[in-house]
Protein backbone atom coordinates (compact mmCIF):
# COMPACT_ATOMS: atom_id res chain seq x y z
CA MET A 1 -8.33 -22.07 -27.41
CA PRO A 2 -9.30 -23.63 -23.82
CA TYR A 3 -11.68 -22.26 -21.84
CA SER A 4 -11.34 -24.51 -19.14
CA GLU A 5 -8.44 -25.99 -17.07
CA PRO A 6 -5.70 -26.30 -17.89
CA THR A 7 -5.12 -22.86 -19.29
CA ASP A 8 -1.94 -20.71 -20.34
CA LEU A 9 -3.70 -17.74 -18.63
CA ALA A 10 -2.16 -16.65 -15.20
CA VAL A 11 -2.65 -13.75 -13.00
CA ILE A 12 0.07 -12.73 -10.32
CA ALA A 13 -0.92 -10.05 -8.38
CA CYS A 14 1.48 -7.78 -6.23
CA PRO A 15 0.68 -6.85 -3.04
CA GLY A 16 -1.07 -3.38 -3.95
CA GLY A 17 -2.95 -5.00 -7.04
CA GLU A 18 -4.29 -7.86 -5.28
CA SER A 19 -7.72 -6.13 -4.74
CA PHE A 20 -8.41 -5.25 -8.22
CA ALA A 21 -6.81 -8.70 -9.74
CA ASP A 22 -9.36 -10.66 -7.47
CA ALA A 23 -12.15 -8.48 -8.99
CA VAL A 24 -10.92 -9.27 -12.47
CA ILE A 25 -10.47 -12.90 -11.68
CA THR A 26 -14.05 -13.24 -10.74
CA HIS A 27 -15.39 -11.97 -14.11
CA LEU A 28 -12.69 -14.08 -15.76
CA LYS A 29 -14.19 -17.25 -14.17
CA HIS A 30 -17.70 -16.21 -15.30
CA MET A 31 -16.80 -15.37 -18.53
CA TYR A 32 -14.85 -18.60 -19.18
CA LYS A 33 -17.77 -20.65 -18.08
CA HIS A 34 -20.29 -18.86 -20.22
CA ARG A 35 -17.95 -19.10 -22.93
CA PHE A 36 -17.34 -22.66 -22.46
CA THR A 37 -21.07 -23.34 -22.13
CA LEU A 38 -21.91 -21.58 -25.43
CA LYS A 39 -19.02 -23.41 -27.41
CA ASN A 40 -20.23 -26.88 -25.97
CA ASP A 41 -23.90 -26.23 -26.86
CA ALA A 42 -22.93 -24.95 -30.40
CA VAL A 43 -20.43 -27.99 -31.14
CA SER A 44 -22.81 -30.65 -29.58
CA LYS A 45 -25.81 -29.33 -31.77
CA LYS A 46 -23.66 -29.09 -34.94
CA TYR A 47 -21.91 -32.65 -34.73
CA ALA A 48 -24.87 -34.22 -32.73
CA VAL A 49 -23.00 -35.15 -29.75
CA GLU A 50 -24.40 -35.43 -26.36
CA LYS A 51 -23.38 -32.29 -24.17
CA ALA A 52 -21.98 -34.55 -21.19
CA GLN A 53 -19.91 -36.50 -23.56
CA LEU A 54 -18.67 -33.37 -25.40
CA ILE A 55 -17.16 -32.13 -21.95
CA ARG A 56 -15.72 -35.53 -21.45
CA ASP A 57 -13.90 -35.17 -24.73
CA ILE A 58 -12.91 -31.68 -24.08
CA ASN A 59 -11.27 -32.57 -21.03
CA TYR A 60 -9.60 -35.58 -22.51
CA LYS A 61 -8.04 -33.44 -25.09
CA ASN A 62 -6.88 -30.82 -22.83
CA ASP A 63 -5.28 -33.66 -20.69
CA LEU A 64 -3.51 -34.91 -23.70
CA GLU A 65 -1.87 -31.72 -24.51
CA SER A 66 -1.06 -30.48 -21.08
CA SER A 67 2.40 -30.80 -20.18
CA ASP A 68 1.55 -32.56 -16.83
CA LEU A 69 1.00 -36.31 -16.76
CA ILE A 70 -2.44 -35.85 -15.71
CA VAL A 71 -4.41 -33.23 -14.81
CA ARG A 72 -5.99 -33.48 -11.36
CA LYS A 73 -9.44 -32.61 -12.14
CA PRO A 74 -12.87 -34.35 -12.66
CA THR A 75 -13.37 -36.03 -16.12
CA ASP A 76 -17.16 -35.31 -16.79
CA VAL A 77 -17.74 -31.60 -15.23
CA TYR A 78 -16.52 -28.37 -16.36
CA ARG A 79 -12.99 -27.52 -15.16
CA ILE A 80 -13.01 -23.73 -13.90
CA PRO A 81 -9.48 -22.27 -14.47
CA SER A 82 -8.01 -20.80 -11.16
CA PHE A 83 -6.00 -18.10 -13.15
CA LYS A 84 -4.26 -17.02 -10.12
CA VAL A 85 -0.34 -17.97 -9.37
CA ASP A 86 0.67 -18.58 -5.73
CA ALA A 87 3.67 -16.10 -5.02
CA THR A 88 4.95 -14.87 -1.65
CA PHE A 89 6.18 -11.01 -1.34
CA THR A 90 8.70 -10.43 1.03
CA TYR A 91 9.47 -6.92 2.49
CA PHE A 92 12.61 -6.41 4.24
CA ALA A 93 13.38 -4.09 6.81
CA ASN A 94 15.67 -2.06 4.64
CA GLY A 95 12.56 -1.40 2.40
CA GLU A 96 13.75 -4.03 -0.15
CA PHE A 97 11.23 -6.36 -1.84
CA LYS A 98 11.62 -10.02 -2.88
CA THR A 99 9.04 -11.87 -5.44
CA GLU A 100 9.18 -15.78 -5.26
CA ILE A 101 6.64 -17.71 -7.67
CA ASN A 102 5.61 -20.92 -6.01
CA GLU A 103 4.16 -22.70 -8.72
CA SER A 104 5.47 -23.41 -12.37
CA ILE A 105 4.37 -20.49 -14.91
CA ARG A 106 6.83 -21.96 -17.99
CA GLY A 107 5.28 -20.98 -21.22
CA LYS A 108 2.24 -19.22 -19.68
CA ASP A 109 0.69 -15.89 -20.81
CA ILE A 110 1.43 -13.73 -17.32
CA TYR A 111 -0.80 -11.07 -16.35
CA VAL A 112 0.89 -9.06 -13.64
CA PHE A 113 -1.33 -6.44 -11.76
CA GLN A 114 -0.32 -3.59 -9.74
CA ASP A 115 -1.66 -0.53 -8.18
CA VAL A 116 0.67 2.06 -7.34
CA GLU A 117 -1.54 4.15 -5.93
CA ASN A 118 -2.86 1.89 -3.15
CA HIS A 119 -2.10 3.63 -0.18
CA GLU A 120 -4.23 1.39 2.05
CA VAL A 121 -2.34 -0.64 5.08
CA ILE A 122 -1.38 -3.87 3.42
CA SER A 123 -0.40 -7.05 5.36
CA LEU A 124 3.08 -8.41 4.26
CA ASN A 125 5.33 -11.11 5.25
CA GLY A 126 2.53 -13.37 6.22
CA GLY A 127 0.87 -10.61 8.15
CA LYS A 128 3.65 -9.87 10.25
CA ASN A 129 4.15 -6.57 8.89
CA LYS A 130 1.32 -4.20 8.09
CA LEU A 131 2.58 -1.18 5.98
CA SER A 132 1.01 1.78 3.92
CA LEU A 133 3.29 1.59 0.52
CA SER A 134 4.23 4.53 -1.40
CA VAL A 135 4.30 4.61 -5.26
CA ASN A 136 8.01 4.02 -5.53
CA ASP A 137 7.59 0.74 -2.92
CA HIS A 138 4.66 -0.38 -5.25
CA LEU A 139 7.09 0.34 -8.29
CA MET A 140 9.84 -1.67 -7.00
CA CYS A 141 7.84 -4.51 -5.87
CA LEU A 142 6.41 -4.65 -9.64
CA ILE A 143 9.87 -4.48 -11.18
CA ASN A 144 10.94 -7.29 -9.02
CA THR A 145 7.89 -9.36 -9.79
CA ILE A 146 8.58 -8.83 -13.47
CA ASP A 147 11.97 -9.91 -13.28
CA SER A 148 10.89 -12.99 -11.15
CA VAL A 149 8.24 -13.91 -13.90
CA ARG A 150 11.03 -13.44 -16.62
CA GLN A 151 13.21 -16.00 -14.80
CA ALA A 152 10.55 -18.39 -14.26
CA GLY A 153 10.37 -18.94 -18.15
CA ALA A 154 6.89 -17.19 -18.98
CA GLN A 155 5.96 -17.07 -22.52
CA SER A 156 4.70 -13.63 -22.34
CA ILE A 157 4.38 -10.86 -19.70
CA THR A 158 1.79 -8.18 -19.77
CA LEU A 159 1.51 -5.43 -17.20
CA VAL A 160 -1.93 -4.61 -15.74
CA LEU A 161 -1.65 -1.04 -14.32
CA PRO A 162 -4.69 0.78 -13.98
CA VAL A 163 -2.54 3.71 -13.05
CA TYR A 164 0.58 3.93 -15.31
CA PRO A 165 3.20 5.09 -12.88
CA TYR A 166 4.74 8.53 -13.36
CA SER A 167 2.64 9.38 -15.92
CA ARG A 168 2.61 12.87 -15.26
CA GLN A 169 6.24 13.15 -16.12
CA HIS A 170 6.08 12.89 -19.78
CA LYS A 171 6.84 16.42 -21.17
CA LYS A 172 10.45 17.68 -20.91
CA LYS A 173 10.27 21.52 -19.89
CA GLY A 174 14.13 22.13 -18.91
CA ARG A 175 16.70 20.06 -17.12
CA GLU A 176 14.48 17.31 -15.94
CA GLY A 177 14.13 13.46 -16.74
CA LEU A 178 11.47 11.91 -18.59
CA ALA A 179 10.18 9.21 -15.67
CA ALA A 180 7.26 7.86 -18.03
CA ALA A 181 9.31 7.09 -20.91
CA MET A 182 12.33 5.83 -18.93
CA LEU A 183 9.97 3.26 -16.93
CA GLY A 184 8.76 2.09 -20.53
CA HIS A 185 12.58 1.39 -21.50
CA VAL A 186 13.00 -0.64 -18.14
CA TYR A 187 9.76 -2.63 -19.07
CA GLU A 188 10.97 -3.56 -22.27
CA MET A 189 14.37 -4.37 -20.97
CA LEU A 190 12.68 -6.72 -18.58
CA GLY A 191 10.77 -8.74 -21.41
CA VAL A 192 7.46 -7.10 -21.11
CA SER A 193 5.54 -7.24 -24.21
CA ARG A 194 1.85 -5.24 -23.20
CA ILE A 195 0.79 -2.82 -20.78
CA ILE A 196 -3.11 -2.49 -20.20
CA THR A 197 -3.83 0.59 -18.64
CA LEU A 198 -6.84 3.10 -17.79
CA ASP A 199 -7.04 6.75 -19.33
CA ILE A 200 -3.38 7.43 -19.31
CA HIS A 201 -2.50 11.07 -18.69
CA SER A 202 -0.68 11.57 -21.70
CA ARG A 203 -0.89 9.78 -25.36
CA GLU A 204 2.63 11.02 -25.77
CA ILE A 205 4.00 8.24 -23.67
CA VAL A 206 2.65 5.59 -26.18
CA ASN A 207 5.65 7.09 -28.33
CA ALA A 208 8.18 6.10 -25.87
CA PHE A 209 8.04 2.47 -26.41
CA ASN A 210 9.93 0.34 -29.07
CA THR A 211 8.32 -2.95 -28.67
CA ILE A 212 5.68 -2.76 -25.87
CA ASN A 213 2.20 -2.46 -27.21
CA LEU A 214 0.02 -0.23 -24.76
CA GLU A 215 -3.74 -0.73 -24.63
CA ASN A 216 -5.35 2.42 -23.01
CA LEU A 217 -8.88 1.60 -22.19
CA HIS A 218 -11.53 4.09 -20.80
CA ALA A 219 -14.17 4.21 -18.32
CA SER A 220 -16.70 6.41 -20.31
CA TYR A 221 -19.35 3.58 -20.50
CA GLN A 222 -19.18 2.74 -16.91
CA ILE A 223 -19.38 6.37 -15.77
CA ILE A 224 -22.24 7.25 -17.80
CA ARG A 225 -24.01 3.97 -16.49
CA GLU A 226 -23.72 5.57 -13.03
CA LEU A 227 -24.64 9.12 -14.42
CA SER A 228 -27.82 8.10 -15.92
CA LYS A 229 -28.83 6.90 -12.35
CA ILE A 230 -28.88 10.11 -10.87
CA VAL A 231 -29.66 12.59 -13.53
CA ASP A 232 -31.77 12.85 -16.80
CA LEU A 233 -29.42 12.50 -19.71
CA THR A 234 -32.24 13.13 -22.35
CA GLY A 235 -33.00 16.63 -21.08
CA LYS A 236 -36.49 16.10 -20.56
CA THR A 237 -36.55 17.06 -16.99
CA GLU A 238 -33.43 19.01 -16.67
CA ASP A 239 -31.00 20.67 -18.68
CA MET A 240 -27.25 19.62 -18.70
CA VAL A 241 -24.00 20.93 -20.24
CA VAL A 242 -20.59 19.05 -20.29
CA VAL A 243 -17.83 21.27 -19.01
CA SER A 244 -14.02 20.54 -19.59
CA PRO A 245 -12.17 22.04 -16.25
CA ASP A 246 -9.17 22.95 -18.28
CA THR A 247 -7.72 22.97 -21.92
CA GLY A 248 -6.17 19.51 -21.33
CA ALA A 249 -9.27 17.75 -20.70
CA ILE A 250 -11.16 19.27 -23.67
CA ASP A 251 -10.83 16.15 -26.02
CA ARG A 252 -12.09 13.83 -22.83
CA ASN A 253 -15.40 16.10 -22.17
CA LYS A 254 -15.84 16.67 -26.16
CA PHE A 255 -16.19 12.87 -26.26
CA TYR A 256 -18.94 13.02 -23.57
CA ALA A 257 -20.78 15.87 -24.90
CA SER A 258 -20.90 14.32 -28.78
CA GLY A 259 -21.66 10.77 -27.24
CA LEU A 260 -24.74 12.42 -25.15
CA LYS A 261 -25.52 15.07 -27.71
CA LEU A 262 -25.02 17.92 -25.13
CA PRO A 263 -23.24 21.48 -25.16
CA LEU A 264 -19.62 21.51 -24.26
CA ALA A 265 -18.51 24.51 -22.20
CA MET A 266 -14.71 25.14 -20.90
CA ILE A 267 -13.14 26.69 -17.77
CA TYR A 268 -10.09 28.64 -18.79
CA LYS A 269 -7.43 28.69 -16.02
CA GLU A 270 -4.52 31.07 -15.61
CA ARG A 271 -1.78 29.50 -13.78
CA ASP A 272 1.28 30.69 -11.82
CA TYR A 273 3.86 28.05 -12.48
CA SER A 274 6.37 29.36 -10.00
CA VAL A 275 3.86 27.93 -7.34
CA VAL A 276 4.35 24.37 -6.50
CA THR A 277 0.92 22.67 -5.36
CA MET A 278 1.00 20.65 -2.30
CA ASN A 279 -2.55 20.47 -0.94
CA ALA A 280 -5.87 21.19 -2.44
CA LYS A 281 -6.26 24.36 -0.97
CA ASP A 282 -3.00 26.27 -2.09
CA THR A 283 -3.27 25.84 -5.86
CA ASN A 284 -1.36 27.82 -8.30
CA ILE A 285 -4.77 28.97 -10.19
CA LYS A 286 -4.85 32.82 -10.16
CA SER A 287 -7.94 33.61 -12.39
CA VAL A 288 -10.66 31.39 -13.89
CA LYS A 289 -13.00 32.18 -16.89
CA LEU A 290 -16.08 30.11 -18.14
CA LEU A 291 -16.28 29.93 -21.87
CA GLY A 292 -20.16 28.81 -22.32
CA ASP A 293 -23.27 28.87 -20.31
CA VAL A 294 -24.17 26.80 -17.03
CA LYS A 295 -26.96 28.85 -15.66
CA GLY A 296 -29.91 26.80 -14.57
CA LYS A 297 -28.17 23.35 -15.69
CA VAL A 298 -26.47 20.46 -14.41
CA ALA A 299 -22.96 20.66 -14.95
CA PHE A 300 -20.85 17.59 -15.51
CA LEU A 301 -16.91 17.41 -15.58
CA ALA A 302 -14.81 14.63 -16.33
CA ASP A 303 -11.06 14.21 -15.80
CA ASP A 304 -8.40 11.63 -15.99
CA MET A 305 -7.25 11.77 -12.43
CA LEU A 306 -7.46 13.67 -9.12
CA GLY A 307 -4.67 14.17 -6.69
CA THR A 308 -5.03 16.75 -4.20
CA GLY A 309 -8.26 17.99 -5.81
CA GLY A 310 -7.49 21.49 -5.71
CA THR A 311 -8.24 22.53 -9.30
CA LEU A 312 -11.43 20.47 -9.26
CA LEU A 313 -12.84 22.09 -6.18
CA LYS A 314 -12.07 25.64 -7.64
CA ALA A 315 -13.85 24.52 -10.89
CA MET A 316 -16.93 23.29 -8.96
CA SER A 317 -17.18 26.27 -6.67
CA PHE A 318 -16.79 28.50 -10.09
CA LEU A 319 -19.58 26.86 -11.81
CA LYS A 320 -21.91 27.09 -8.82
CA GLU A 321 -20.90 30.88 -8.82
CA ASN A 322 -21.96 30.83 -12.28
CA GLY A 323 -25.62 29.46 -11.69
CA ALA A 324 -25.31 25.44 -12.09
CA THR A 325 -27.85 23.65 -10.30
CA LYS A 326 -25.69 20.76 -9.88
CA VAL A 327 -22.09 20.05 -10.24
CA ILE A 328 -21.20 16.16 -11.12
CA ALA A 329 -17.73 15.10 -11.42
CA ALA A 330 -16.30 11.94 -13.11
CA ILE A 331 -12.77 10.84 -12.23
CA SER A 332 -11.15 7.80 -14.01
CA LEU A 333 -8.26 7.40 -11.48
CA PRO A 334 -9.55 8.90 -7.88
CA PHE A 335 -6.02 9.25 -5.87
CA PHE A 336 -7.48 11.91 -3.43
CA THR A 337 -3.93 12.37 -1.98
CA GLY A 338 -3.12 14.38 1.31
CA ASN A 339 -6.20 15.67 2.90
CA ALA A 340 -8.61 15.90 -0.26
CA ILE A 341 -11.05 13.86 1.37
CA GLU A 342 -11.71 16.07 4.12
CA LEU A 343 -11.69 19.24 1.83
CA PHE A 344 -14.45 17.47 -0.58
CA ASP A 345 -16.71 16.77 2.51
CA GLU A 346 -16.51 20.29 3.53
CA ALA A 347 -17.34 21.49 -0.08
CA TYR A 348 -20.27 18.85 0.09
CA LYS A 349 -21.78 20.24 3.01
CA GLN A 350 -21.37 23.83 1.46
CA GLY A 351 -23.45 22.45 -1.30
CA LEU A 352 -20.73 23.09 -3.98
CA PHE A 353 -21.11 19.67 -5.86
CA TYR A 354 -23.64 16.94 -5.87
CA ARG A 355 -21.55 13.85 -6.66
CA VAL A 356 -18.34 12.58 -7.65
CA ILE A 357 -18.15 9.49 -9.73
CA GLY A 358 -14.93 7.45 -9.53
CA THR A 359 -13.52 3.82 -10.74
CA ASN A 360 -12.33 1.11 -8.75
CA ALA A 361 -9.13 1.30 -10.68
CA VAL A 362 -7.46 2.79 -7.35
CA TYR A 363 -8.35 1.17 -4.07
CA HIS A 364 -9.30 3.55 -1.67
CA GLU A 365 -11.57 2.34 1.30
CA GLU A 366 -12.48 5.63 2.89
CA LEU A 367 -13.92 6.77 -0.26
CA LEU A 368 -16.56 4.23 -0.46
CA THR A 369 -18.10 5.38 2.80
CA LYS A 370 -18.91 8.80 1.46
CA GLU A 371 -22.35 10.17 0.44
CA TRP A 372 -21.19 12.17 -2.07
CA TYR A 373 -19.18 9.35 -3.63
CA ILE A 374 -20.19 6.68 -6.45
CA SER A 375 -17.67 4.21 -7.37
CA THR A 376 -18.09 2.31 -10.66
CA ASP A 377 -16.56 -1.08 -11.32
CA VAL A 378 -14.12 -1.51 -14.34
CA SER A 379 -12.73 -4.85 -13.52
CA GLY A 380 -15.17 -6.62 -15.88
CA LEU A 381 -13.65 -4.26 -18.55
CA PHE A 382 -10.35 -5.30 -17.92
CA ALA A 383 -11.45 -8.89 -17.64
CA ASN A 384 -13.11 -8.48 -21.24
CA VAL A 385 -9.77 -7.19 -22.59
CA ILE A 386 -7.39 -9.67 -20.80
CA THR A 387 -9.66 -12.77 -22.26
CA ARG A 388 -9.71 -11.39 -25.84
CA ILE A 389 -6.13 -10.47 -25.97
CA HIS A 390 -4.94 -13.90 -24.61
CA HIS A 391 -7.26 -15.60 -27.50
CA ASN A 392 -5.83 -13.23 -30.13
CA GLN A 393 -9.50 -11.36 -30.49
CA SER A 394 -10.19 -7.97 -31.49
CA ILE A 395 -10.63 -5.45 -28.69
CA GLY A 396 -11.70 -2.40 -31.02
CA ASP A 397 -15.05 -2.23 -29.83
CA LEU A 398 -14.17 -2.28 -26.15
CA LEU A 399 -11.75 0.83 -26.90
CA ASP A 400 -14.78 2.91 -28.59
CA ASN A 401 -18.00 2.99 -26.27
CA ARG A 402 -19.99 5.11 -28.46
CA ASN A 403 -22.75 2.45 -29.60
CA ILE A 404 -23.06 1.41 -25.90
CA ILE A 405 -23.32 5.01 -24.64
CA GLU A 406 -26.22 5.65 -27.41
CA LYS A 407 -28.02 2.60 -26.05
CA ILE A 408 -27.89 4.06 -22.43
CA VAL A 409 -29.32 7.18 -23.42
CA LYS A 410 -31.97 5.65 -25.64
CA ALA A 411 -32.88 3.26 -23.01
CA GLN A 412 -33.50 6.00 -20.50
CA SER A 413 -35.47 8.14 -22.99
CA GLU A 414 -37.90 5.09 -23.65
CA GLY A 415 -38.26 4.65 -19.69
CA ASN A 416 -39.03 8.24 -19.33
CA ALA A 417 -41.58 8.02 -22.18
CA LYS A 418 -43.45 5.11 -20.29
């Protein structure tokens, strides 16, 4: 179980997922050094061996077990793993992608990163081309990368997809495909053994897999950590209520309400499904009703993803009309497609909401410049899960944040008491 170089854990970052992969790798390096130090301290104490000598012994053992003739690293200091695999991604004029792995990954545990909702301008072909890629472009790049990793002899392939592609196409209502399930079968055919994602849109997608294990992470701790900085969660200085923006988000908001020990309200929306929404203003919502009371209270809403934002904007406006003092929303996957940012700017100026908390699972530069937007970092969570999976350790406590949430509320309560 080596926490130093050489290691079998390796990361390949597709162009769209490179930013998030780099953030996760930074955490991995800190975590590996910390765990190596702890192990070195414990073992040296137990066996009465000098720490410096023990480091040499560990490096010696790793060198003997390495498939290389010799590892070109120092023998007397900690060898921090690099993790990131050198790869070249070529984008051809006709839209095709090619992925080339530039070093041996045979027998390694490979984690392939991709952010399919990254629509920022990306440098390709050694900087010769700068393009904003679509979900389908990112997806095809991912599929090519998986195949390249498989052909290169990786021992196992794990996909790190903060956004699961086509997750909203998970339920068949007529003569339509089930793209979420279909992609799962493609991944299985290519030899993927595991997928790590964030707040997947529907739990039904998990049932589509035959052999893949799906780890569905939640950003609730990171979101509540940011929420505690802008609102009193203890209820001593301001009342707060959790509001589910629709029936589909009731379980998620029930989790926040029970964890924070707050009342739960719900917005019920009547929709006209003959209308297809293309932007935030033209929604298919015909009437809205509130089940609960928000008058004189801070209203907190949580949802998994935000596209054009029309649904959330209507909900925020409705809550203000019903007497909410502040409206705060938390979005795990902030896409902000189309002209959503402009419309949120306009709504913020009108005082329809106070803040939107989102994660860095989706790369969006413009959002970070907005006064009303708070970004919370989930890369540490992903790094924790990856290293535990790689070392065959339990991730149960990382999937259920109730204990950590209670500690946040308790710490804020104690701070207010001082």
